[in-house]
Amino acid sequence: MKITINGETKEIADGATVAALLDELGFDPKATVVERNAEILERANYADTTLADGDALELVRFVGGG
């Protein structure tokens, strides 16, 4: 199925969860905010949120530095 991540179309497996996608992309779920179809998801729900064809995600990662 196809979803959009930060404006780019990506093909992913049917039934993929937000947690699985973040793992595939190498994103730390504790440092990533996920917006799905204009709704911010609770981190506690990443593993239970199944993505659907046509979903639009915005992923924002927090980076420390100094």
PDB file of N, CA and C in Angstrom:
ATOM      1  N   MET A   1       0.851  -1.180   0.000  1.00  0.00           N
ATOM      2  CA  MET A   1       0.000   0.000   0.000  1.00  0.00           C
ATOM      3  C   MET A   1       0.891   1.235   0.000  1.00  0.00           C
ATOM      4  N   LYS A   2       0.318   2.363  -0.381  1.00  0.00           N
ATOM      5  CA  LYS A   2       1.076   3.606  -0.460  1.00  0.00           C
ATOM      6  C   LYS A   2       0.608   4.585   0.610  1.00  0.00           C
ATOM      7  N   ILE A   3       1.591   5.193   1.272  1.00  0.00           N
ATOM      8  CA  ILE A   3       1.319   6.258   2.226  1.00  0.00           C
ATOM      9  C   ILE A   3       2.249   7.420   1.897  1.00  0.00           C
ATOM     10  N   THR A   4       1.962   8.562   2.484  1.00  0.00           N
ATOM     11  CA  THR A   4       2.812   9.725   2.289  1.00  0.00           C
ATOM     12  C   THR A   4       3.471  10.058   3.614  1.00  0.00           C
ATOM     13  N   ILE A   5       4.805  10.176   3.578  1.00  0.00           N
ATOM     14  CA  ILE A   5       5.575  10.512   4.777  1.00  0.00           C
ATOM     15  C   ILE A   5       6.319  11.808   4.503  1.00  0.00           C
ATOM     16  N   ASN A   6       5.993  12.847   5.263  1.00  0.00           N
ATOM     17  CA  ASN A   6       6.625  14.158   5.105  1.00  0.00           C
ATOM     18  C   ASN A   6       6.649  14.594   3.638  1.00  0.00           C
ATOM     19  N   GLY A   7       5.533  14.364   2.948  1.00  0.00           N
ATOM     20  CA  GLY A   7       5.370  14.823   1.574  1.00  0.00           C
ATOM     21  C   GLY A   7       5.871  13.874   0.503  1.00  0.00           C
ATOM     22  N   GLU A   8       6.470  12.744   0.890  1.00  0.00           N
ATOM     23  CA  GLU A   8       6.991  11.789  -0.082  1.00  0.00           C
ATOM     24  C   GLU A   8       6.203  10.485  -0.016  1.00  0.00           C
ATOM     25  N   THR A   9       5.832   9.953  -1.181  1.00  0.00           N
ATOM     26  CA  THR A   9       5.089   8.701  -1.248  1.00  0.00           C
ATOM     27  C   THR A   9       6.020   7.530  -0.993  1.00  0.00           C
ATOM     28  N   LYS A  10       5.551   6.584  -0.174  1.00  0.00           N
ATOM     29  CA  LYS A  10       6.346   5.396   0.155  1.00  0.00           C
ATOM     30  C   LYS A  10       5.443   4.179   0.113  1.00  0.00           C
ATOM     31  N   GLU A  11       5.977   3.092  -0.402  1.00  0.00           N
ATOM     32  CA  GLU A  11       5.270   1.813  -0.445  1.00  0.00           C
ATOM     33  C   GLU A  11       5.641   1.039   0.815  1.00  0.00           C
ATOM     34  N   ILE A  12       4.614   0.574   1.562  1.00  0.00           N
ATOM     35  CA  ILE A  12       4.856  -0.207   2.766  1.00  0.00           C
ATOM     36  C   ILE A  12       3.978  -1.456   2.740  1.00  0.00           C
ATOM     37  N   ALA A  13       4.281  -2.396   3.619  1.00  0.00           N
ATOM     38  CA  ALA A  13       3.514  -3.645   3.691  1.00  0.00           C
ATOM     39  C   ALA A  13       2.120  -3.396   4.255  1.00  0.00           C
ATOM     40  N   ASP A  14       1.144  -4.137   3.755  1.00  0.00           N
ATOM     41  CA  ASP A  14      -0.210  -4.087   4.312  1.00  0.00           C
ATOM     42  C   ASP A  14      -0.162  -4.485   5.781  1.00  0.00           C
ATOM     43  N   GLY A  15      -0.937  -3.807   6.603  1.00  0.00           N
ATOM     44  CA  GLY A  15      -1.025  -4.141   8.018  1.00  0.00           C
ATOM     45  C   GLY A  15       0.095  -3.582   8.875  1.00  0.00           C
ATOM     46  N   ALA A  16       0.963  -2.764   8.297  1.00  0.00           N
ATOM     47  CA  ALA A  16       2.069  -2.180   9.065  1.00  0.00           C
ATOM     48  C   ALA A  16       1.530  -1.229  10.131  1.00  0.00           C
ATOM     49  N   THR A  17       2.186  -1.228  11.267  1.00  0.00           N
ATOM     50  CA  THR A  17       1.818  -0.301  12.340  1.00  0.00           C
ATOM     51  C   THR A  17       2.761   0.892  12.325  1.00  0.00           C
ATOM     52  N   VAL A  18       2.381   1.926  13.051  1.00  0.00           N
ATOM     53  CA  VAL A  18       3.249   3.097  13.177  1.00  0.00           C
ATOM     54  C   VAL A  18       4.577   2.683  13.807  1.00  0.00           C
ATOM     55  N   ALA A  19       4.533   1.847  14.843  1.00  0.00           N
ATOM     56  CA  ALA A  19       5.762   1.399  15.504  1.00  0.00           C
ATOM     57  C   ALA A  19       6.678   0.659  14.532  1.00  0.00           C
ATOM     58  N   ALA A  20       6.116  -0.222  13.706  1.00  0.00           N
ATOM     59  CA  ALA A  20       6.916  -0.976  12.735  1.00  0.00           C
ATOM     60  C   ALA A  20       7.533  -0.035  11.704  1.00  0.00           C
ATOM     61  N   LEU A  21       6.781   0.960  11.279  1.00  0.00           N
ATOM     62  CA  LEU A  21       7.304   1.918  10.314  1.00  0.00           C
ATOM     63  C   LEU A  21       8.465   2.710  10.906  1.00  0.00           C
ATOM     64  N   LEU A  22       8.303   3.187  12.122  1.00  0.00           N
ATOM     65  CA  LEU A  22       9.378   3.940  12.772  1.00  0.00           C
ATOM     66  C   LEU A  22      10.625   3.071  12.904  1.00  0.00           C
ATOM     67  N   ASP A  23      10.447   1.809  13.255  1.00  0.00           N
ATOM     68  CA  ASP A  23      11.575   0.884  13.367  1.00  0.00           C
ATOM     69  C   ASP A  23      12.265   0.716  12.019  1.00  0.00           C
ATOM     70  N   GLU A  24      11.473   0.543  10.970  1.00  0.00           N
ATOM     71  CA  GLU A  24      12.021   0.376   9.617  1.00  0.00           C
ATOM     72  C   GLU A  24      12.819   1.609   9.192  1.00  0.00           C
ATOM     73  N   LEU A  25      12.340   2.779   9.571  1.00  0.00           N
ATOM     74  CA  LEU A  25      13.010   4.024   9.200  1.00  0.00           C
ATOM     75  C   LEU A  25      14.181   4.369  10.122  1.00  0.00           C
ATOM     76  N   GLY A  26      14.315   3.630  11.231  1.00  0.00           N
ATOM     77  CA  GLY A  26      15.391   3.904  12.177  1.00  0.00           C
ATOM     78  C   GLY A  26      15.109   5.079  13.098  1.00  0.00           C
ATOM     79  N   PHE A  27      13.828   5.384  13.307  1.00  0.00           N
ATOM     80  CA  PHE A  27      13.436   6.491  14.178  1.00  0.00           C
ATOM     81  C   PHE A  27      13.167   5.965  15.582  1.00  0.00           C
ATOM     82  N   ASP A  28      13.650   6.670  16.587  1.00  0.00           N
ATOM     83  CA  ASP A  28      13.377   6.331  17.983  1.00  0.00           C
ATOM     84  C   ASP A  28      11.961   6.805  18.320  1.00  0.00           C
ATOM     85  N   PRO A  29      11.046   5.886  18.662  1.00  0.00           N
ATOM     86  CA  PRO A  29       9.671   6.308  18.940  1.00  0.00           C
ATOM     87  C   PRO A  29       9.551   7.266  20.124  1.00  0.00           C
ATOM     88  N   LYS A  30      10.496   7.209  21.057  1.00  0.00           N
ATOM     89  CA  LYS A  30      10.461   8.110  22.213  1.00  0.00           C
ATOM     90  C   LYS A  30      10.851   9.537  21.838  1.00  0.00           C
ATOM     91  N   ALA A  31      11.498   9.694  20.685  1.00  0.00           N
ATOM     92  CA  ALA A  31      11.948  11.015  20.250  1.00  0.00           C
ATOM     93  C   ALA A  31      11.273  11.445  18.950  1.00  0.00           C
ATOM     94  N   THR A  32      10.138  10.813  18.622  1.00  0.00           N
ATOM     95  CA  THR A  32       9.447  11.106  17.368  1.00  0.00           C
ATOM     96  C   THR A  32       7.974  11.392  17.628  1.00  0.00           C
ATOM     97  N   VAL A  33       7.498  12.487  17.070  1.00  0.00           N
ATOM     98  CA  VAL A  33       6.075  12.802  17.101  1.00  0.00           C
ATOM     99  C   VAL A  33       5.500  12.416  15.746  1.00  0.00           C
ATOM    100  N   VAL A  34       4.370  11.721  15.781  1.00  0.00           N
ATOM    101  CA  VAL A  34       3.727  11.263  14.546  1.00  0.00           C
ATOM    102  C   VAL A  34       2.358  11.927  14.420  1.00  0.00           C
ATOM    103  N   GLU A  35       2.160  12.575  13.278  1.00  0.00           N
ATOM    104  CA  GLU A  35       0.862  13.131  12.938  1.00  0.00           C
ATOM    105  C   GLU A  35       0.317  12.285  11.788  1.00  0.00           C
ATOM    106  N   ARG A  36      -0.845  11.710  11.990  1.00  0.00           N
ATOM    107  CA  ARG A  36      -1.481  10.873  10.968  1.00  0.00           C
ATOM    108  C   ARG A  36      -2.776  11.533  10.539  1.00  0.00           C
ATOM    109  N   ASN A  37      -2.851  11.885   9.272  1.00  0.00           N
ATOM    110  CA  ASN A  37      -4.048  12.513   8.717  1.00  0.00           C
ATOM    111  C   ASN A  37      -4.501  13.694   9.577  1.00  0.00           C
ATOM    112  N   ALA A  38      -3.540  14.563   9.899  1.00  0.00           N
ATOM    113  CA  ALA A  38      -3.763  15.813  10.636  1.00  0.00           C
ATOM    114  C   ALA A  38      -4.129  15.608  12.105  1.00  0.00           C
ATOM    115  N   GLU A  39      -3.862  14.416  12.653  1.00  0.00           N
ATOM    116  CA  GLU A  39      -4.130  14.140  14.066  1.00  0.00           C
ATOM    117  C   GLU A  39      -2.862  13.600  14.717  1.00  0.00           C
ATOM    118  N   ILE A  40      -2.431  14.228  15.800  1.00  0.00           N
ATOM    119  CA  ILE A  40      -1.239  13.776  16.502  1.00  0.00           C
ATOM    120  C   ILE A  40      -1.574  12.515  17.289  1.00  0.00           C
ATOM    121  N   LEU A  41      -0.734  11.494  17.111  1.00  0.00           N
ATOM    122  CA  LEU A  41      -0.948  10.221  17.790  1.00  0.00           C
ATOM    123  C   LEU A  41      -0.248  10.201  19.144  1.00  0.00           C
ATOM    124  N   GLU A  42      -0.851   9.502  20.095  1.00  0.00           N
ATOM    125  CA  GLU A  42      -0.225   9.269  21.390  1.00  0.00           C
ATOM    126  C   GLU A  42       0.874   8.221  21.196  1.00  0.00           C
ATOM    127  N   ARG A  43       2.038   8.451  21.785  1.00  0.00           N
ATOM    128  CA  ARG A  43       3.132   7.479  21.665  1.00  0.00           C
ATOM    129  C   ARG A  43       2.702   6.084  22.125  1.00  0.00           C
ATOM    130  N   ALA A  44       1.893   6.017  23.151  1.00  0.00           N
ATOM    131  CA  ALA A  44       1.446   4.733  23.687  1.00  0.00           C
ATOM    132  C   ALA A  44       0.648   3.925  22.662  1.00  0.00           C
ATOM    133  N   ASN A  45       0.139   4.586  21.620  1.00  0.00           N
ATOM    134  CA  ASN A  45      -0.688   3.913  20.616  1.00  0.00           C
ATOM    135  C   ASN A  45       0.067   3.548  19.338  1.00  0.00           C
ATOM    136  N   TYR A  46       1.361   3.856  19.251  1.00  0.00           N
ATOM    137  CA  TYR A  46       2.106   3.586  18.017  1.00  0.00           C
ATOM    138  C   TYR A  46       2.036   2.103  17.619  1.00  0.00           C
ATOM    139  N   ALA A  47       2.182   1.207  18.580  1.00  0.00           N
ATOM    140  CA  ALA A  47       2.190  -0.228  18.271  1.00  0.00           C
ATOM    141  C   ALA A  47       0.815  -0.740  17.875  1.00  0.00           C
ATOM    142  N   ASP A  48      -0.234  -0.058  18.304  1.00  0.00           N
ATOM    143  CA  ASP A  48      -1.601  -0.502  18.029  1.00  0.00           C
ATOM    144  C   ASP A  48      -2.253   0.216  16.846  1.00  0.00           C
ATOM    145  N   THR A  49      -1.568   1.199  16.272  1.00  0.00           N
ATOM    146  CA  THR A  49      -2.144   1.975  15.169  1.00  0.00           C
ATOM    147  C   THR A  49      -1.690   1.383  13.842  1.00  0.00           C
ATOM    148  N   THR A  50      -2.639   0.761  13.149  1.00  0.00           N
ATOM    149  CA  THR A  50      -2.363   0.164  11.845  1.00  0.00           C
ATOM    150  C   THR A  50      -2.552   1.219  10.766  1.00  0.00           C
ATOM    151  N   LEU A  51      -1.581   1.297   9.874  1.00  0.00           N
ATOM    152  CA  LEU A  51      -1.650   2.272   8.788  1.00  0.00           C
ATOM    153  C   LEU A  51      -2.549   1.757   7.668  1.00  0.00           C
ATOM    154  N   ALA A  52      -3.137   2.691   6.932  1.00  0.00           N
ATOM    155  CA  ALA A  52      -4.038   2.348   5.836  1.00  0.00           C
ATOM    156  C   ALA A  52      -3.557   3.010   4.547  1.00  0.00           C
ATOM    157  N   ASP A  53      -3.909   2.413   3.433  1.00  0.00           N
ATOM    158  CA  ASP A  53      -3.557   2.964   2.135  1.00  0.00           C
ATOM    159  C   ASP A  53      -4.033   4.412   2.043  1.00  0.00           C
ATOM    160  N   GLY A  54      -3.144   5.293   1.636  1.00  0.00           N
ATOM    161  CA  GLY A  54      -3.496   6.700   1.475  1.00  0.00           C
ATOM    162  C   GLY A  54      -3.246   7.563   2.693  1.00  0.00           C
ATOM    163  N   ASP A  55      -2.837   6.957   3.822  1.00  0.00           N
ATOM    164  CA  ASP A  55      -2.545   7.762   5.010  1.00  0.00           C
ATOM    165  C   ASP A  55      -1.446   8.783   4.710  1.00  0.00           C
ATOM    166  N   ALA A  56      -1.560   9.929   5.358  1.00  0.00           N
ATOM    167  CA  ALA A  56      -0.541  10.974   5.254  1.00  0.00           C
ATOM    168  C   ALA A  56       0.067  11.166   6.643  1.00  0.00           C
ATOM    169  N   LEU A  57       1.377  10.944   6.746  1.00  0.00           N
ATOM    170  CA  LEU A  57       2.075  11.078   8.014  1.00  0.00           C
ATOM    171  C   LEU A  57       3.070  12.228   7.965  1.00  0.00           C
ATOM    172  N   GLU A  58       3.192  12.901   9.076  1.00  0.00           N
ATOM    173  CA  GLU A  58       4.267  13.860   9.279  1.00  0.00           C
ATOM    174  C   GLU A  58       5.043  13.341  10.483  1.00  0.00           C
ATOM    175  N   LEU A  59       6.323  13.142  10.305  1.00  0.00           N
ATOM    176  CA  LEU A  59       7.183  12.651  11.366  1.00  0.00           C
ATOM    177  C   LEU A  59       8.147  13.758  11.776  1.00  0.00           C
ATOM    178  N   VAL A  60       8.186  14.049  13.063  1.00  0.00           N
ATOM    179  CA  VAL A  60       9.084  15.075  13.586  1.00  0.00           C
ATOM    180  C   VAL A  60       9.950  14.431  14.654  1.00  0.00           C
ATOM    181  N   ARG A  61      11.276  14.501  14.443  1.00  0.00           N
ATOM    182  CA  ARG A  61      12.213  13.917  15.408  1.00  0.00           C
ATOM    183  C   ARG A  61      12.851  15.032  16.213  1.00  0.00           C
ATOM    184  N   PHE A  62      13.009  14.758  17.505  1.00  0.00           N
ATOM    185  CA  PHE A  62      13.685  15.692  18.389  1.00  0.00           C
ATOM    186  C   PHE A  62      15.155  15.321  18.432  1.00  0.00           C
ATOM    187  N   VAL A  63      16.013  16.322  18.274  1.00  0.00           N
ATOM    188  CA  VAL A  63      17.445  16.104  18.250  1.00  0.00           C
ATOM    189  C   VAL A  63      18.083  16.983  19.312  1.00  0.00           C
ATOM    190  N   GLY A  64      18.908  16.380  20.139  1.00  0.00           N
ATOM    191  CA  GLY A  64      19.617  17.125  21.163  1.00  0.00           C
ATOM    192  C   GLY A  64      20.951  17.612  20.631  1.00  0.00           C
ATOM    193  N   GLY A  65      21.471  18.579  21.249  1.00  0.00           N
ATOM    194  CA  GLY A  65      22.774  19.088  20.826  1.00  0.00           C
ATOM    195  C   GLY A  65      23.200  20.232  21.712  1.00  0.00           C
ATOM    196  N   GLY A  66      24.334  20.738  21.416  1.00  0.00           N
ATOM    197  CA  GLY A  66      24.769  21.846  22.231  1.00  0.00           C
ATOM    198  C   GLY A  66      26.124  22.339  21.876  1.00  0.00           C
TER     199      GLY A  66
END
